[in-house]
Amino acid sequence: MWSGRDEKASRALMPRLLVVDDEESICFSMSEYFSLHGYKVDTASEMEEAEKLIEATDYKVVIQDLRLGATRNPDGLDMIKMIRDQNPQTRIIVLTAYGSAEMEDEARRCGADAFLRKPKPLSQVAQVVQGLLESPPKQAARPA
């Protein structure tokens, strides 16, 4: 029988994951999927909300969109830089419908570990997450 202590220890070992997307259905489906696969998942639909969570929590992986809300600017690039400054060990996956080669190059220069184009099956996103967790973080080649 599990004791409260065992449950706390088990939850402490669960990788922390943050999903940042302005599409509520994406946040919900990813949260459900990754929770069922042993992750502790938080979600944010706005940049400010994501920033507060990132400042307060040590996430192993952040899966984020590049554009949040009605903005035409890729706010996600700023978030990548902020995550790298807060915790260089956090693995960053960009999952976006705005996936040009130039945008991918820029996201990687800012520190993204992976760049995926929507729509992407959750099982494939999970494979990327697992691969990143099993490999050491690389140093981001960020412009000065």
N, C-alpha and C. Protein backbone atom coordinates (compact mmCIF):
# COMPACT_ATOMS: atom_id res chain seq x y z
N MET A 1 0.84 -1.18 0.00
CA MET A 1 0.00 0.00 0.00
C MET A 1 0.89 1.25 0.00
N TRP A 2 0.48 2.23 -0.80
CA TRP A 2 1.23 3.47 -0.90
C TRP A 2 0.97 4.36 0.30
N SER A 3 2.00 4.92 0.82
CA SER A 3 1.83 5.89 1.90
C SER A 3 1.88 7.29 1.29
N GLY A 4 1.51 8.27 2.06
CA GLY A 4 1.58 9.65 1.59
C GLY A 4 2.99 10.04 1.21
N ARG A 5 3.96 9.51 1.95
CA ARG A 5 5.37 9.80 1.67
C ARG A 5 5.77 9.22 0.32
N ASP A 6 5.33 7.97 0.03
CA ASP A 6 5.65 7.35 -1.25
C ASP A 6 5.06 8.15 -2.41
N GLU A 7 3.84 8.63 -2.24
CA GLU A 7 3.20 9.41 -3.28
C GLU A 7 3.94 10.72 -3.51
N LYS A 8 4.36 11.38 -2.42
CA LYS A 8 5.12 12.62 -2.55
C LYS A 8 6.44 12.37 -3.27
N ALA A 9 7.12 11.29 -2.92
CA ALA A 9 8.40 10.96 -3.56
C ALA A 9 8.18 10.66 -5.04
N SER A 10 7.12 9.95 -5.35
CA SER A 10 6.82 9.62 -6.74
C SER A 10 6.52 10.88 -7.54
N ARG A 11 5.74 11.80 -6.98
CA ARG A 11 5.42 13.05 -7.68
C ARG A 11 6.66 13.91 -7.86
N ALA A 12 7.59 13.84 -6.91
CA ALA A 12 8.82 14.62 -7.03
C ALA A 12 9.68 14.13 -8.18
N LEU A 13 9.57 12.85 -8.54
CA LEU A 13 10.36 12.29 -9.63
C LEU A 13 9.73 12.52 -11.00
N MET A 14 8.47 12.93 -11.03
CA MET A 14 7.78 13.15 -12.29
C MET A 14 8.38 14.38 -12.98
N PRO A 15 8.76 14.27 -14.26
CA PRO A 15 9.29 15.44 -14.95
C PRO A 15 8.24 16.55 -15.04
N ARG A 16 8.66 17.78 -14.79
CA ARG A 16 7.77 18.94 -14.90
C ARG A 16 7.79 19.44 -16.33
N LEU A 17 6.61 19.68 -16.86
CA LEU A 17 6.46 20.10 -18.24
C LEU A 17 5.49 21.28 -18.29
N LEU A 18 5.80 22.28 -19.09
CA LEU A 18 4.92 23.43 -19.29
C LEU A 18 4.51 23.49 -20.75
N VAL A 19 3.21 23.61 -20.99
CA VAL A 19 2.67 23.78 -22.34
C VAL A 19 2.16 25.21 -22.44
N VAL A 20 2.67 25.96 -23.43
CA VAL A 20 2.25 27.35 -23.63
C VAL A 20 1.65 27.47 -25.03
N ASP A 21 0.34 27.68 -25.08
CA ASP A 21 -0.36 27.80 -26.36
C ASP A 21 -1.66 28.55 -26.11
N ASP A 22 -2.02 29.44 -27.03
CA ASP A 22 -3.26 30.19 -26.87
C ASP A 22 -4.49 29.39 -27.29
N GLU A 23 -4.28 28.21 -27.85
CA GLU A 23 -5.40 27.33 -28.20
C GLU A 23 -5.67 26.41 -27.01
N GLU A 24 -6.81 26.65 -26.36
CA GLU A 24 -7.15 25.90 -25.16
C GLU A 24 -7.19 24.39 -25.41
N SER A 25 -7.65 23.99 -26.60
CA SER A 25 -7.74 22.56 -26.90
C SER A 25 -6.36 21.90 -26.94
N ILE A 26 -5.36 22.62 -27.38
CA ILE A 26 -4.00 22.08 -27.41
C ILE A 26 -3.47 21.93 -25.99
N CYS A 27 -3.65 22.96 -25.18
CA CYS A 27 -3.22 22.87 -23.77
C CYS A 27 -3.90 21.70 -23.08
N PHE A 28 -5.20 21.55 -23.29
CA PHE A 28 -5.95 20.48 -22.63
C PHE A 28 -5.48 19.10 -23.09
N SER A 29 -5.39 18.90 -24.40
CA SER A 29 -5.02 17.57 -24.90
C SER A 29 -3.60 17.20 -24.51
N MET A 30 -2.67 18.15 -24.55
CA MET A 30 -1.30 17.86 -24.13
C MET A 30 -1.22 17.59 -22.64
N SER A 31 -1.95 18.35 -21.86
CA SER A 31 -1.96 18.13 -20.41
C SER A 31 -2.48 16.74 -20.08
N GLU A 32 -3.57 16.35 -20.70
CA GLU A 32 -4.14 15.02 -20.47
C GLU A 32 -3.16 13.92 -20.90
N TYR A 33 -2.62 14.06 -22.10
CA TYR A 33 -1.73 13.04 -22.66
C TYR A 33 -0.48 12.86 -21.79
N PHE A 34 0.20 13.96 -21.51
CA PHE A 34 1.46 13.86 -20.76
C PHE A 34 1.23 13.48 -19.30
N SER A 35 0.13 13.91 -18.71
CA SER A 35 -0.20 13.49 -17.34
C SER A 35 -0.37 11.98 -17.27
N LEU A 36 -1.05 11.42 -18.27
CA LEU A 36 -1.24 9.96 -18.31
C LEU A 36 0.08 9.21 -18.51
N HIS A 37 1.08 9.91 -19.03
CA HIS A 37 2.38 9.29 -19.29
C HIS A 37 3.42 9.67 -18.24
N GLY A 38 2.96 10.11 -17.06
CA GLY A 38 3.88 10.28 -15.94
C GLY A 38 4.50 11.65 -15.77
N TYR A 39 3.99 12.65 -16.44
CA TYR A 39 4.53 14.00 -16.31
C TYR A 39 3.64 14.84 -15.42
N LYS A 40 4.23 15.81 -14.75
CA LYS A 40 3.49 16.84 -14.01
C LYS A 40 3.39 18.01 -14.97
N VAL A 41 2.16 18.36 -15.39
CA VAL A 41 1.97 19.33 -16.47
C VAL A 41 1.27 20.59 -15.98
N ASP A 42 1.83 21.74 -16.37
CA ASP A 42 1.17 23.03 -16.20
C ASP A 42 0.91 23.59 -17.59
N THR A 43 -0.09 24.45 -17.70
CA THR A 43 -0.38 25.08 -18.98
C THR A 43 -0.52 26.59 -18.80
N ALA A 44 -0.25 27.31 -19.87
CA ALA A 44 -0.44 28.76 -19.90
C ALA A 44 -0.91 29.14 -21.29
N SER A 45 -1.82 30.10 -21.35
CA SER A 45 -2.34 30.52 -22.65
C SER A 45 -1.87 31.92 -23.03
N GLU A 46 -1.17 32.58 -22.12
CA GLU A 46 -0.66 33.93 -22.38
C GLU A 46 0.79 34.03 -21.93
N MET A 47 1.50 34.94 -22.57
CA MET A 47 2.92 35.14 -22.28
C MET A 47 3.16 35.49 -20.81
N GLU A 48 2.38 36.42 -20.26
CA GLU A 48 2.59 36.84 -18.87
C GLU A 48 2.39 35.68 -17.90
N GLU A 49 1.37 34.88 -18.15
CA GLU A 49 1.10 33.71 -17.31
C GLU A 49 2.27 32.72 -17.39
N ALA A 50 2.78 32.50 -18.60
CA ALA A 50 3.91 31.59 -18.79
C ALA A 50 5.15 32.10 -18.07
N GLU A 51 5.41 33.40 -18.17
CA GLU A 51 6.58 33.98 -17.51
C GLU A 51 6.54 33.76 -16.00
N LYS A 52 5.37 33.95 -15.40
CA LYS A 52 5.24 33.75 -13.95
C LYS A 52 5.51 32.30 -13.57
N LEU A 53 4.98 31.37 -14.35
CA LEU A 53 5.20 29.96 -14.07
C LEU A 53 6.68 29.59 -14.22
N ILE A 54 7.32 30.10 -15.27
CA ILE A 54 8.73 29.79 -15.53
C ILE A 54 9.62 30.35 -14.42
N GLU A 55 9.29 31.54 -13.93
CA GLU A 55 10.07 32.13 -12.84
C GLU A 55 9.93 31.34 -11.54
N ALA A 56 8.77 30.71 -11.34
CA ALA A 56 8.49 30.03 -10.07
C ALA A 56 8.76 28.53 -10.08
N THR A 57 8.98 27.95 -11.26
CA THR A 57 9.05 26.49 -11.36
C THR A 57 10.24 26.06 -12.21
N ASP A 58 10.86 24.96 -11.81
CA ASP A 58 11.97 24.40 -12.56
C ASP A 58 11.43 23.34 -13.53
N TYR A 59 11.13 23.76 -14.75
CA TYR A 59 10.59 22.83 -15.75
C TYR A 59 11.71 22.10 -16.46
N LYS A 60 11.50 20.82 -16.71
CA LYS A 60 12.44 20.04 -17.51
C LYS A 60 12.24 20.34 -18.98
N VAL A 61 10.96 20.54 -19.39
CA VAL A 61 10.63 20.79 -20.79
C VAL A 61 9.54 21.85 -20.87
N VAL A 62 9.68 22.75 -21.84
CA VAL A 62 8.62 23.70 -22.19
C VAL A 62 8.27 23.45 -23.65
N ILE A 63 6.98 23.21 -23.90
CA ILE A 63 6.46 23.09 -25.26
C ILE A 63 5.67 24.36 -25.51
N GLN A 64 6.08 25.14 -26.50
CA GLN A 64 5.47 26.45 -26.67
C GLN A 64 5.18 26.78 -28.12
N ASP A 65 4.13 27.56 -28.30
CA ASP A 65 3.80 28.13 -29.59
C ASP A 65 4.66 29.39 -29.76
N LEU A 66 4.81 29.84 -31.00
CA LEU A 66 5.56 31.07 -31.23
C LEU A 66 4.68 32.31 -31.11
N ARG A 67 3.44 32.18 -31.55
CA ARG A 67 2.53 33.33 -31.53
C ARG A 67 1.38 33.05 -30.59
N LEU A 68 1.20 33.96 -29.66
CA LEU A 68 0.14 33.81 -28.66
C LEU A 68 -0.88 34.93 -28.83
N GLY A 69 -2.14 34.59 -28.89
CA GLY A 69 -3.20 35.58 -29.01
C GLY A 69 -3.25 36.20 -30.39
N ALA A 70 -3.74 37.42 -30.44
CA ALA A 70 -3.96 38.10 -31.72
C ALA A 70 -2.70 38.76 -32.26
N THR A 71 -1.62 38.69 -31.53
CA THR A 71 -0.40 39.37 -31.97
C THR A 71 0.16 38.76 -33.24
N ARG A 72 0.72 39.58 -34.08
CA ARG A 72 1.35 39.12 -35.31
C ARG A 72 2.84 38.85 -35.08
N ASN A 73 3.34 39.26 -33.93
CA ASN A 73 4.75 39.08 -33.62
C ASN A 73 4.99 37.71 -32.99
N PRO A 74 6.12 37.10 -33.30
CA PRO A 74 6.45 35.81 -32.68
C PRO A 74 6.98 36.00 -31.26
N ASP A 75 6.06 36.26 -30.31
CA ASP A 75 6.43 36.48 -28.91
C ASP A 75 7.20 35.31 -28.33
N GLY A 76 7.01 34.14 -28.91
CA GLY A 76 7.67 32.94 -28.41
C GLY A 76 9.18 33.03 -28.47
N LEU A 77 9.72 33.82 -29.39
CA LEU A 77 11.18 33.98 -29.46
C LEU A 77 11.69 34.66 -28.19
N ASP A 78 10.96 35.67 -27.73
CA ASP A 78 11.33 36.34 -26.47
C ASP A 78 11.24 35.37 -25.30
N MET A 79 10.23 34.50 -25.34
CA MET A 79 10.07 33.54 -24.26
C MET A 79 11.21 32.54 -24.25
N ILE A 80 11.66 32.10 -25.43
CA ILE A 80 12.80 31.18 -25.50
C ILE A 80 14.01 31.81 -24.82
N LYS A 81 14.29 33.06 -25.14
CA LYS A 81 15.43 33.76 -24.54
C LYS A 81 15.27 33.87 -23.02
N MET A 82 14.05 34.18 -22.57
CA MET A 82 13.80 34.30 -21.14
C MET A 82 14.00 32.97 -20.43
N ILE A 83 13.53 31.88 -21.04
CA ILE A 83 13.71 30.55 -20.44
C ILE A 83 15.20 30.23 -20.35
N ARG A 84 15.94 30.50 -21.41
CA ARG A 84 17.39 30.24 -21.41
C ARG A 84 18.08 31.03 -20.31
N ASP A 85 17.66 32.28 -20.10
CA ASP A 85 18.26 33.10 -19.05
C ASP A 85 17.90 32.57 -17.66
N GLN A 86 16.64 32.13 -17.48
CA GLN A 86 16.17 31.62 -16.18
C GLN A 86 16.79 30.28 -15.84
N ASN A 87 16.76 29.35 -16.80
CA ASN A 87 17.25 27.99 -16.55
C ASN A 87 17.77 27.38 -17.85
N PRO A 88 19.07 27.46 -18.08
CA PRO A 88 19.65 26.94 -19.31
C PRO A 88 19.45 25.43 -19.50
N GLN A 89 19.13 24.71 -18.44
CA GLN A 89 18.94 23.26 -18.54
C GLN A 89 17.56 22.87 -19.07
N THR A 90 16.61 23.79 -19.05
CA THR A 90 15.25 23.50 -19.54
C THR A 90 15.30 23.25 -21.04
N ARG A 91 14.66 22.17 -21.47
CA ARG A 91 14.58 21.83 -22.89
C ARG A 91 13.37 22.54 -23.48
N ILE A 92 13.52 23.13 -24.65
CA ILE A 92 12.47 23.94 -25.27
C ILE A 92 12.08 23.35 -26.61
N ILE A 93 10.78 23.10 -26.75
CA ILE A 93 10.23 22.60 -28.01
C ILE A 93 9.26 23.66 -28.53
N VAL A 94 9.49 24.13 -29.74
CA VAL A 94 8.56 25.04 -30.39
C VAL A 94 7.59 24.18 -31.20
N LEU A 95 6.30 24.41 -31.00
CA LEU A 95 5.25 23.72 -31.74
C LEU A 95 4.35 24.80 -32.31
N THR A 96 4.44 25.03 -33.63
CA THR A 96 3.76 26.18 -34.21
C THR A 96 3.20 25.89 -35.59
N ALA A 97 2.19 26.64 -35.96
CA ALA A 97 1.64 26.58 -37.32
C ALA A 97 2.39 27.54 -38.23
N TYR A 98 3.20 28.41 -37.64
CA TYR A 98 3.96 29.41 -38.40
C TYR A 98 5.39 28.92 -38.59
N GLY A 99 5.53 27.84 -39.32
CA GLY A 99 6.81 27.17 -39.37
C GLY A 99 7.58 27.33 -40.66
N SER A 100 8.19 28.48 -40.87
CA SER A 100 9.07 28.66 -42.02
C SER A 100 10.49 28.24 -41.63
N ALA A 101 11.32 28.00 -42.63
CA ALA A 101 12.71 27.64 -42.37
C ALA A 101 13.43 28.78 -41.64
N GLU A 102 13.11 30.01 -42.02
CA GLU A 102 13.74 31.17 -41.38
C GLU A 102 13.33 31.25 -39.90
N MET A 103 12.05 30.99 -39.64
CA MET A 103 11.57 31.05 -38.25
C MET A 103 12.21 29.93 -37.42
N GLU A 104 12.36 28.75 -38.02
CA GLU A 104 13.02 27.65 -37.31
C GLU A 104 14.46 28.01 -36.98
N ASP A 105 15.18 28.58 -37.96
CA ASP A 105 16.56 28.99 -37.71
C ASP A 105 16.64 30.01 -36.58
N GLU A 106 15.74 30.98 -36.60
CA GLU A 106 15.74 32.01 -35.56
C GLU A 106 15.42 31.42 -34.19
N ALA A 107 14.44 30.51 -34.13
CA ALA A 107 14.09 29.87 -32.86
C ALA A 107 15.26 29.07 -32.32
N ARG A 108 15.96 28.37 -33.18
CA ARG A 108 17.12 27.59 -32.74
C ARG A 108 18.25 28.52 -32.28
N ARG A 109 18.46 29.63 -32.98
CA ARG A 109 19.48 30.60 -32.55
C ARG A 109 19.14 31.16 -31.17
N CYS A 110 17.86 31.32 -30.88
CA CYS A 110 17.43 31.83 -29.57
C CYS A 110 17.57 30.79 -28.47
N GLY A 111 17.68 29.50 -28.86
CA GLY A 111 17.88 28.47 -27.85
C GLY A 111 16.90 27.31 -27.88
N ALA A 112 16.01 27.26 -28.87
CA ALA A 112 15.07 26.13 -28.95
C ALA A 112 15.83 24.85 -29.26
N ASP A 113 15.43 23.76 -28.62
CA ASP A 113 16.05 22.46 -28.85
C ASP A 113 15.40 21.72 -30.01
N ALA A 114 14.12 21.99 -30.25
CA ALA A 114 13.39 21.30 -31.32
C ALA A 114 12.33 22.25 -31.87
N PHE A 115 11.99 22.05 -33.13
CA PHE A 115 11.01 22.89 -33.82
C PHE A 115 10.06 21.97 -34.56
N LEU A 116 8.80 21.96 -34.15
CA LEU A 116 7.80 21.08 -34.76
C LEU A 116 6.68 21.92 -35.35
N ARG A 117 6.16 21.44 -36.46
CA ARG A 117 5.06 22.14 -37.12
C ARG A 117 3.72 21.50 -36.78
N LYS A 118 2.72 22.35 -36.47
CA LYS A 118 1.36 21.87 -36.24
C LYS A 118 0.72 21.54 -37.58
N PRO A 119 -0.17 20.59 -37.59
CA PRO A 119 -0.51 19.67 -36.51
C PRO A 119 0.53 18.56 -36.39
N LYS A 120 0.73 18.06 -35.20
CA LYS A 120 1.70 16.99 -34.93
C LYS A 120 1.05 16.02 -33.95
N PRO A 121 1.03 14.73 -34.26
CA PRO A 121 0.44 13.76 -33.32
C PRO A 121 1.14 13.82 -31.96
N LEU A 122 0.36 13.70 -30.90
CA LEU A 122 0.92 13.76 -29.55
C LEU A 122 2.00 12.72 -29.33
N SER A 123 1.85 11.56 -29.94
CA SER A 123 2.87 10.52 -29.77
C SER A 123 4.21 10.97 -30.33
N GLN A 124 4.20 11.74 -31.42
CA GLN A 124 5.46 12.25 -31.98
C GLN A 124 6.05 13.35 -31.12
N VAL A 125 5.19 14.20 -30.57
CA VAL A 125 5.68 15.22 -29.64
C VAL A 125 6.31 14.54 -28.43
N ALA A 126 5.67 13.49 -27.93
CA ALA A 126 6.19 12.75 -26.77
C ALA A 126 7.54 12.12 -27.08
N GLN A 127 7.73 11.62 -28.29
CA GLN A 127 9.03 11.05 -28.67
C GLN A 127 10.12 12.11 -28.62
N VAL A 128 9.80 13.32 -29.08
CA VAL A 128 10.78 14.41 -29.04
C VAL A 128 11.08 14.78 -27.59
N VAL A 129 10.05 14.88 -26.77
CA VAL A 129 10.24 15.19 -25.34
C VAL A 129 11.16 14.15 -24.71
N GLN A 130 10.86 12.89 -24.91
CA GLN A 130 11.65 11.81 -24.31
C GLN A 130 13.09 11.85 -24.80
N GLY A 131 13.28 12.08 -26.09
CA GLY A 131 14.63 12.17 -26.64
C GLY A 131 15.43 13.30 -26.02
N LEU A 132 14.79 14.45 -25.82
CA LEU A 132 15.48 15.58 -25.21
C LEU A 132 15.81 15.31 -23.75
N LEU A 133 14.92 14.65 -23.04
CA LEU A 133 15.19 14.34 -21.64
C LEU A 133 16.32 13.34 -21.48
N GLU A 134 16.51 12.50 -22.48
CA GLU A 134 17.56 11.48 -22.41
C GLU A 134 18.91 11.97 -22.92
N SER A 135 18.95 13.17 -23.51
CA SER A 135 20.22 13.70 -24.02
C SER A 135 20.59 14.95 -23.24
N PRO A 136 21.89 15.23 -23.13
CA PRO A 136 22.31 16.41 -22.38
C PRO A 136 21.96 17.69 -23.13
N PRO A 137 21.63 18.76 -22.40
CA PRO A 137 21.34 20.03 -23.06
C PRO A 137 22.57 20.55 -23.78
N LYS A 138 22.33 21.18 -24.92
CA LYS A 138 23.44 21.81 -25.64
C LYS A 138 23.46 23.30 -25.31
N GLN A 139 24.59 23.91 -25.51
CA GLN A 139 24.68 25.34 -25.29
C GLN A 139 24.02 26.05 -26.46
N ALA A 140 23.13 26.97 -26.17
CA ALA A 140 22.45 27.73 -27.22
C ALA A 140 23.42 28.71 -27.85
N ALA A 141 23.37 28.80 -29.16
CA ALA A 141 24.20 29.75 -29.89
C ALA A 141 23.39 31.01 -30.11
N ARG A 142 23.23 31.80 -29.04
CA ARG A 142 22.40 33.00 -29.11
C ARG A 142 23.21 34.18 -29.57
N PRO A 143 22.60 35.02 -30.40
CA PRO A 143 23.30 36.25 -30.79
C PRO A 143 23.44 37.18 -29.59
N ALA A 144 24.49 37.98 -29.59
CA ALA A 144 24.75 38.90 -28.47
C ALA A 144 23.80 40.05 -28.44
